[in-house]
């Protein structure tokens, strides 16, 4: 059921006060597309010229600390720049905000979802200058498709609450940058995937612990109504969602952190059946064509420990092809792998380490064979990547 006025009122009611952060910075101009970036820079690699100019990395920042930040790696210079948002937007006194939860370049704009600040920042991809912000309560993830970006939202306040309301997906016009529609989905929705004219939404139910949600909401993009629901009986508390070239869904579950463990499922959206349970835990995943790169930092209240693992999956055959993607032992230095991304041209892959969550993280770059090329200190809780190049990547 759609409801616009209800959520517009909710947006106004959920404004948050963030502490101002003062910054004193110097700018540096790059020739390619006028990328103006922070003087805080490190030469980490030799310049490389491909269809990929570089990537942005959104650092979440510890919740409540107002430390979300944006880094940029310029592949054409081999230079890593830290905290560019504050330098490029000196009049935004509260800076990027509290908890950077997702990042995507779609069309000629970049969208940064700032969860606990209840907003989506809209930026220029060439210079990270702010265009505007779109107010969306407790927003989580963004998906661009067909001239719109779709943003999942928990809707209610940021707190565990068995009476928390159902979530919603907000439809934002990429020209007017206005919310043009909303639709209610399941409880605490997370990532989304598009197949044909349908938007699939993974619901977690995370605020209703231990009564997690076990449904995928199916939205008809022509009418923007929920027209179907896929119930996955095998597990609940869903998080990551992607699709493959055969039109199948790849869904991750966080488990319940006790007896039910994190897992990865392949689902046929037509029959609404689980085709295969992969027995691969997932914290984050990145699809490069039909190859899925997976990292997992799986917490257990039973053991009181994090179990860390890596995997590479052939999405076409639905087979695990590698359980040890880092070949040189560097994985022993990575305390809490948090984010992963793959360069679509070079096939270099990146793993971010959140360390203790309260200090600066580290970004590791590996070549396609799993050997370390360089590493660099990042912001706090480095997490979400967006590649910038001649064509769009990772829609």
Protein backbone atom coordinates (compact mmCIF):
# COMPACT_ATOMS: atom_id res chain seq x y z
CA UNK A 1 0.00 0.00 0.00
CA UNK A 2 1.42 3.38 -0.99
CA UNK A 3 1.40 6.39 1.29
CA UNK A 4 3.21 9.63 0.44
CA UNK A 5 2.03 12.13 3.05
CA UNK A 6 2.70 9.72 5.91
CA UNK A 7 6.39 9.44 5.05
CA UNK A 8 6.85 13.12 4.25
CA UNK A 9 5.58 13.84 7.78
CA UNK A 10 7.91 11.19 9.16
CA UNK A 11 10.87 12.84 7.42
CA UNK A 12 10.15 16.15 9.13
CA UNK A 13 9.68 14.47 12.50
CA UNK A 14 13.00 12.62 12.35
CA UNK A 15 15.39 15.54 11.90
CA UNK A 16 18.54 15.01 13.93
CA UNK A 17 20.96 17.45 15.53
CA UNK A 18 24.59 16.75 14.68
CA UNK A 19 27.62 18.43 16.22
CA UNK A 20 29.41 20.82 13.87
CA UNK A 21 32.88 19.78 12.84
CA UNK A 22 35.49 22.40 12.00
CA UNK A 23 38.04 21.71 9.28
CA UNK A 24 41.00 23.57 7.88
CA UNK A 25 42.05 22.21 4.49
CA UNK A 26 43.81 23.09 1.25
CA UNK A 27 42.50 22.10 -2.19
CA UNK A 28 44.30 20.47 -5.10
CA UNK A 29 43.07 20.48 -8.69
CA UNK A 30 43.39 17.51 -11.04
CA UNK A 31 43.17 17.84 -14.79
CA UNK A 32 40.75 15.00 -15.55
CA UNK A 33 37.17 16.26 -15.17
CA UNK A 34 38.26 18.85 -12.59
CA UNK A 35 38.43 16.48 -9.64
CA UNK A 36 39.23 18.88 -6.79
CA UNK A 37 40.41 17.04 -3.76
CA UNK A 38 41.96 17.28 -0.32
CA UNK A 39 45.68 17.96 0.10
CA UNK A 40 45.78 14.96 2.49
CA UNK A 41 47.11 12.55 -0.09
CA UNK A 42 49.33 9.50 -0.41
CA UNK A 43 51.04 8.05 -3.47
CA UNK A 44 50.13 4.37 -3.23
CA UNK A 45 50.50 3.06 -6.80
CA UNK A 46 51.80 3.81 -10.27
CA UNK A 47 49.37 5.71 -12.53
CA UNK A 48 47.16 3.44 -14.64
CA UNK A 49 44.99 4.57 -17.56
CA UNK A 50 41.90 2.45 -18.28
CA UNK A 51 38.17 3.09 -18.53
CA UNK A 52 38.21 3.27 -14.72
CA UNK A 53 39.44 6.62 -13.42
CA UNK A 54 39.27 5.56 -9.78
CA UNK A 55 36.76 5.00 -7.01
CA UNK A 56 35.16 6.64 -4.02
CA UNK A 57 35.11 4.93 -0.63
CA UNK A 58 32.43 5.87 1.88
CA UNK A 59 33.54 5.42 5.47
CA UNK A 60 30.63 4.76 7.80
CA UNK A 61 32.02 6.28 10.99
CA UNK A 62 30.98 4.88 14.35
CA UNK A 63 27.29 5.43 15.10
CA UNK A 64 26.62 8.62 17.02
CA UNK A 65 30.05 10.10 16.30
CA UNK A 66 29.14 12.10 13.16
CA UNK A 67 32.28 10.79 11.44
CA UNK A 68 31.05 9.55 8.07
CA UNK A 69 33.64 10.55 5.48
CA UNK A 70 34.50 10.14 1.81
CA UNK A 71 37.86 9.08 0.34
CA UNK A 72 38.91 8.96 -3.31
CA UNK A 73 41.51 6.85 -5.13
CA UNK A 74 42.66 8.43 -8.40
CA UNK A 75 43.94 5.55 -10.54
CA UNK A 76 45.30 7.98 -13.18
CA UNK A 77 47.65 9.41 -10.55
CA UNK A 78 48.00 6.41 -8.24
CA UNK A 79 47.10 8.76 -5.40
CA UNK A 80 44.76 8.12 -2.48
CA UNK A 81 42.95 11.17 -1.04
CA UNK A 82 41.32 11.14 2.40
CA UNK A 83 38.26 13.01 3.64
CA UNK A 84 37.45 14.92 0.47
CA UNK A 85 33.83 15.79 1.31
CA UNK A 86 34.74 18.28 4.03
CA UNK A 87 37.21 20.06 1.74
CA UNK A 88 34.93 20.19 -1.28
CA UNK A 89 31.93 21.37 0.77
CA UNK A 90 33.27 23.84 3.37
CA UNK A 91 29.88 25.51 3.90
CA UNK A 92 28.24 22.26 5.04
CA UNK A 93 29.09 22.76 8.70
CA UNK A 94 27.86 19.36 9.85
CA UNK A 95 29.90 17.67 7.12
CA UNK A 96 28.74 14.33 5.74
CA UNK A 97 26.86 13.19 8.85
CA UNK A 98 26.29 10.10 10.95
CA UNK A 99 26.82 6.60 9.47
CA UNK A 100 27.48 6.40 5.74
CA UNK A 101 25.49 3.32 4.76
CA UNK A 102 25.64 3.10 0.95
CA UNK A 103 27.15 4.76 -2.12
CA UNK A 104 26.33 4.64 -5.82
CA UNK A 105 27.17 6.58 -8.96
CA UNK A 106 24.17 6.52 -11.26
CA UNK A 107 23.95 8.67 -14.37
CA UNK A 108 25.66 11.99 -13.77
CA UNK A 109 25.23 12.03 -9.99
CA UNK A 110 26.57 10.22 -6.94
CA UNK A 111 24.29 9.22 -4.09
CA UNK A 112 25.53 8.73 -0.52
CA UNK A 113 23.04 7.28 1.96
CA UNK A 114 23.66 8.64 5.46
CA UNK A 115 21.63 6.40 7.72
CA UNK A 116 21.42 8.07 11.14
CA UNK A 117 21.32 11.57 9.65
CA UNK A 118 18.15 10.52 7.80
CA UNK A 119 19.32 11.86 4.45
CA UNK A 120 20.76 10.98 1.08
CA UNK A 121 23.51 13.31 -0.10
CA UNK A 122 23.53 13.97 -3.86
CA UNK A 123 27.00 14.84 -5.18
CA UNK A 124 28.83 15.48 -8.44
CA UNK A 125 30.88 12.38 -9.32
CA UNK A 126 33.77 14.41 -10.76
CA UNK A 127 34.40 16.61 -7.73
CA UNK A 128 32.25 15.31 -4.83
CA UNK A 129 30.54 18.69 -4.55
CA UNK A 130 27.14 18.63 -2.91
CA UNK A 131 24.16 19.23 -5.21
CA UNK A 132 21.49 18.78 -2.56
CA UNK A 133 20.28 16.41 0.11
CA UNK A 134 17.11 14.32 0.03
CA UNK A 135 15.52 13.75 3.44
CA UNK A 136 14.61 10.10 3.99
CA UNK A 137 14.10 8.65 7.49
CA UNK A 138 16.48 5.91 8.64
CA UNK A 139 17.60 5.30 5.06
CA UNK A 140 19.66 2.21 4.27
CA UNK A 141 20.55 1.40 0.62
CA UNK A 142 20.20 2.97 -2.83
CA UNK A 143 19.56 1.38 -6.23
CA UNK A 144 19.51 3.30 -9.51
CA UNK A 145 17.35 2.15 -12.41
CA UNK A 146 15.30 3.66 -15.23
CA UNK A 147 15.89 7.32 -14.36
CA UNK A 148 15.10 6.91 -10.66
CA UNK A 149 16.98 5.94 -7.53
CA UNK A 150 15.21 3.74 -5.03
CA UNK A 151 16.10 4.05 -1.36
CA UNK A 152 15.20 1.49 1.30
CA UNK A 153 14.17 2.89 4.67
CA UNK A 154 13.47 1.49 8.12
CA UNK A 155 11.11 4.51 8.52
CA UNK A 156 11.01 4.42 12.34
CA UNK A 157 13.59 5.67 14.86
CA UNK A 158 17.00 4.02 15.10
CA UNK A 159 16.33 1.58 17.94
CA UNK A 160 15.41 -2.01 18.69
CA UNK A 161 11.63 -1.98 19.05
CA UNK A 162 9.21 -4.92 18.69
CA UNK A 163 6.54 -2.40 17.64
CA UNK A 164 8.71 -0.74 14.97
CA UNK A 165 6.69 0.02 11.82
CA UNK A 166 7.07 -1.67 8.47
CA UNK A 167 9.71 -0.18 6.23
CA UNK A 168 9.38 1.50 2.87
CA UNK A 169 11.11 2.15 -0.43
CA UNK A 170 11.33 5.77 -1.56
CA UNK A 171 11.35 6.61 -5.27
CA UNK A 172 13.50 9.64 -6.12
CA UNK A 173 13.47 11.34 -9.54
CA UNK A 174 17.08 11.84 -10.67
CA UNK A 175 16.22 15.09 -12.49
CA UNK A 176 14.12 16.91 -9.89
CA UNK A 177 15.80 15.06 -6.98
CA UNK A 178 12.42 14.93 -5.28
CA UNK A 179 10.72 11.98 -3.63
CA UNK A 180 7.91 11.19 -6.07
CA UNK A 181 6.48 8.04 -4.49
CA UNK A 182 6.80 5.59 -1.61
CA UNK A 183 5.64 2.05 -1.03
CA UNK A 184 5.51 0.01 2.17
CA UNK A 185 7.48 -3.25 2.21
CA UNK A 186 8.54 -5.57 5.02
CA UNK A 187 10.23 -4.86 8.33
CA UNK A 188 13.59 -3.06 8.20
CA UNK A 189 14.35 -3.44 4.45
CA UNK A 190 17.95 -3.63 3.26
CA UNK A 191 19.48 -4.14 -0.20
CA UNK A 192 17.53 -4.24 -3.46
CA UNK A 193 17.93 -5.82 -6.90
CA UNK A 194 16.22 -5.19 -10.24
CA UNK A 195 15.22 -7.95 -12.66
CA UNK A 196 13.14 -6.78 -15.61
CA UNK A 197 10.44 -4.44 -14.36
CA UNK A 198 10.53 -5.71 -10.79
CA UNK A 199 12.39 -4.39 -7.77
CA UNK A 200 13.21 -7.02 -5.14
CA UNK A 201 13.73 -5.89 -1.54
CA UNK A 202 15.41 -7.96 1.19
CA UNK A 203 13.69 -7.46 4.55
CA UNK A 204 15.61 -8.04 7.79
CA UNK A 205 13.22 -7.41 10.66
CA UNK A 206 16.30 -6.40 12.64
CA UNK A 207 14.38 -4.16 15.03
CA UNK A 208 12.03 -7.04 15.87
CA UNK A 209 14.76 -9.35 17.21
CA UNK A 210 14.35 -12.28 17.70
CA UNK A 211 11.31 -12.25 15.36
CA UNK A 212 13.26 -11.52 12.18
CA UNK A 213 11.59 -11.02 8.80
CA UNK A 214 12.00 -13.80 6.22
CA UNK A 215 10.47 -12.17 3.14
CA UNK A 216 11.55 -10.51 -0.08
CA UNK A 217 9.10 -7.83 -1.19
CA UNK A 218 8.46 -7.65 -4.95
CA UNK A 219 7.63 -4.21 -6.36
CA UNK A 220 6.20 -3.69 -9.85
CA UNK A 221 8.17 -0.69 -11.13
CA UNK A 222 5.39 0.25 -13.56
CA UNK A 223 2.83 0.79 -10.82
CA UNK A 224 5.19 1.06 -7.83
CA UNK A 225 3.07 -1.34 -5.82
CA UNK A 226 4.11 -4.48 -3.94
CA UNK A 227 2.59 -7.19 -6.11
CA UNK A 228 4.19 -10.28 -4.58
CA UNK A 229 6.21 -11.60 -1.66
CA UNK A 230 8.84 -14.34 -1.66
CA UNK A 231 9.02 -16.13 1.69
CA UNK A 232 12.26 -17.97 2.38
CA UNK A 233 11.63 -20.60 5.03
CA UNK A 234 15.27 -21.64 5.43
CA UNK A 235 16.33 -18.54 7.36
CA UNK A 236 15.58 -14.88 8.14
CA UNK A 237 17.21 -11.50 8.87
CA UNK A 238 18.14 -10.77 5.24
CA UNK A 239 20.73 -8.24 4.18
CA UNK A 240 22.58 -8.45 0.84
CA UNK A 241 20.75 -8.98 -2.44
CA UNK A 242 21.96 -9.18 -6.03
CA UNK A 243 21.03 -10.86 -9.31
CA UNK A 244 22.92 -12.85 -11.94
CA UNK A 245 22.82 -13.13 -15.73
CA UNK A 246 20.27 -15.93 -15.55
CA UNK A 247 17.75 -13.80 -13.66
CA UNK A 248 18.29 -15.47 -10.29
CA UNK A 249 18.49 -13.72 -6.94
CA UNK A 250 21.43 -14.07 -4.57
CA UNK A 251 20.29 -13.41 -1.01
CA UNK A 252 22.31 -13.34 2.21
CA UNK A 253 21.04 -13.94 5.72
CA UNK A 254 22.77 -12.63 8.83
CA UNK A 255 21.35 -15.47 10.93
CA UNK A 256 20.41 -14.83 14.56
CA UNK A 257 23.98 -14.69 15.96
CA UNK A 258 23.26 -17.77 18.07
CA UNK A 259 22.27 -21.10 16.48
CA UNK A 260 21.26 -19.85 13.04
CA UNK A 261 24.33 -18.86 11.06
CA UNK A 262 24.80 -16.46 8.17
CA UNK A 263 24.28 -18.04 4.76
CA UNK A 264 23.89 -17.37 1.04
CA UNK A 265 20.90 -18.53 -1.01
CA UNK A 266 20.15 -18.68 -4.72
CA UNK A 267 16.46 -18.07 -5.48
CA UNK A 268 14.36 -18.46 -8.61
CA UNK A 269 12.08 -15.39 -8.47
CA UNK A 270 9.48 -17.00 -10.74
CA UNK A 271 8.93 -20.18 -8.74
CA UNK A 272 9.84 -18.34 -5.50
CA UNK A 273 11.93 -21.35 -4.48
CA UNK A 274 15.46 -21.64 -3.10
CA UNK A 275 17.49 -23.33 -5.82
CA UNK A 276 20.61 -23.78 -3.74
CA UNK A 277 21.92 -23.09 -0.27
CA UNK A 278 25.57 -22.17 -0.72
CA UNK A 279 26.83 -22.72 2.86
CA UNK A 280 28.81 -19.50 2.56
CA UNK A 281 28.54 -16.88 5.34
CA UNK A 282 28.24 -13.28 4.10
CA UNK A 283 28.94 -9.87 5.56
CA UNK A 284 29.49 -8.19 2.20
CA UNK A 285 29.58 -9.35 -1.40
CA UNK A 286 30.37 -7.90 -4.80
CA UNK A 287 29.32 -9.36 -8.15
CA UNK A 288 31.84 -8.89 -10.96
CA UNK A 289 30.02 -10.28 -13.96
CA UNK A 290 29.11 -13.81 -12.91
CA UNK A 291 31.81 -14.03 -10.26
CA UNK A 292 30.77 -13.23 -6.70
CA UNK A 293 33.41 -12.12 -4.18
CA UNK A 294 32.36 -12.66 -0.56
CA UNK A 295 33.77 -11.64 2.81
CA UNK A 296 32.36 -12.55 6.18
CA UNK A 297 32.94 -11.37 9.73
CA UNK A 298 30.38 -13.50 11.57
CA UNK A 299 29.76 -12.69 15.22
CA UNK A 300 28.48 -15.37 17.57
CA UNK A 301 27.07 -14.67 21.03
CA UNK A 302 27.68 -18.34 21.80
CA UNK A 303 31.45 -18.22 21.28
CA UNK A 304 31.92 -14.48 21.84
CA UNK A 305 34.11 -14.35 18.73
CA UNK A 306 34.09 -13.25 15.11
CA UNK A 307 34.67 -15.94 12.50
CA UNK A 308 36.35 -14.43 9.45
CA UNK A 309 36.19 -16.04 6.01
CA UNK A 310 36.50 -15.26 2.29
CA UNK A 311 35.08 -16.93 -0.81
CA UNK A 312 34.74 -16.61 -4.57
CA UNK A 313 31.67 -18.09 -6.23
CA UNK A 314 30.87 -18.90 -9.87
CA UNK A 315 27.33 -17.56 -10.11
CA UNK A 316 26.60 -19.39 -13.37
CA UNK A 317 27.37 -22.87 -12.02
CA UNK A 318 26.50 -21.91 -8.41
CA UNK A 319 29.75 -23.44 -7.19
CA UNK A 320 32.33 -22.12 -4.74
CA UNK A 321 35.58 -21.84 -6.68
CA UNK A 322 37.88 -20.44 -3.98
CA UNK A 323 37.75 -20.31 -0.19
CA UNK A 324 41.01 -18.39 0.10
CA UNK A 325 41.03 -15.39 -2.25
CA UNK A 326 44.01 -13.75 -0.48
CA UNK A 327 47.06 -15.83 -1.38
CA UNK A 328 50.00 -14.11 0.30
CA UNK A 329 49.00 -14.32 3.96
CA UNK A 330 47.86 -10.71 4.22
CA UNK A 331 44.49 -11.94 5.47
CA UNK A 332 46.18 -12.64 8.82
CA UNK A 333 46.71 -8.87 9.20
CA UNK A 334 43.07 -8.01 8.47
CA UNK A 335 41.20 -7.95 11.75
CA UNK A 336 37.60 -7.20 10.66
CA UNK A 337 37.04 -7.37 6.88
CA UNK A 338 34.10 -5.05 6.27
CA UNK A 339 33.76 -4.09 2.61
CA UNK A 340 34.78 -5.61 -0.72
CA UNK A 341 34.85 -4.34 -4.31
CA UNK A 342 36.31 -5.46 -7.66
CA UNK A 343 37.70 -3.22 -10.39
CA UNK A 344 35.65 -4.26 -13.47
CA UNK A 345 38.63 -3.73 -15.83
CA UNK A 346 41.82 -4.78 -14.03
CA UNK A 347 40.07 -7.26 -11.68
CA UNK A 348 42.08 -5.91 -8.78
CA UNK A 349 39.98 -6.35 -5.67
CA UNK A 350 39.76 -4.27 -2.53
CA UNK A 351 39.11 -5.36 1.05
CA UNK A 352 38.54 -2.83 3.82
CA UNK A 353 39.40 -3.51 7.46
CA UNK A 354 37.23 -1.83 10.12
CA UNK A 355 39.71 -2.86 12.86
CA UNK A 356 38.03 -1.92 16.18
CA UNK A 357 35.29 0.23 14.59
CA UNK A 358 36.46 3.31 16.55
CA UNK A 359 39.83 4.06 14.91
CA UNK A 360 40.84 4.67 11.29
CA UNK A 361 40.49 1.62 9.08
CA UNK A 362 42.78 0.23 6.40
CA UNK A 363 42.09 -0.40 2.72
CA UNK A 364 43.94 -3.27 1.01
CA UNK A 365 44.37 -3.58 -2.76
CA UNK A 366 45.06 -7.06 -4.20
CA UNK A 367 45.77 -8.05 -7.79
CA UNK A 368 43.45 -10.51 -9.51
CA UNK A 369 45.56 -13.41 -8.24
CA UNK A 370 45.18 -12.37 -4.60
CA UNK A 371 48.56 -10.74 -3.92
CA UNK A 372 48.86 -7.43 -2.10
CA UNK A 373 49.62 -4.39 -4.27
CA UNK A 374 49.21 -1.62 -1.69
CA UNK A 375 47.43 -0.67 1.50
CA UNK A 376 46.33 2.68 2.88
CA UNK A 377 44.83 4.18 6.03
CA UNK A 378 41.20 5.17 5.41
CA UNK A 379 38.46 6.79 7.44
CA UNK A 380 36.60 5.13 10.28
CA UNK A 381 34.84 1.89 9.22
CA UNK A 382 35.62 1.90 5.47
CA UNK A 383 32.72 0.20 3.76
CA UNK A 384 31.08 1.24 0.48
CA UNK A 385 32.66 1.67 -2.98
CA UNK A 386 31.63 3.44 -6.18
CA UNK A 387 33.84 3.17 -9.28
CA UNK A 388 34.11 6.18 -11.54
CA UNK A 389 34.88 5.81 -15.25
CA UNK A 390 33.88 6.26 -18.86
CA UNK A 391 30.79 4.11 -18.43
CA UNK A 392 28.53 3.25 -15.52
CA UNK A 393 29.51 0.36 -13.30
CA UNK A 394 27.66 -1.57 -10.65
CA UNK A 395 24.15 -0.22 -11.39
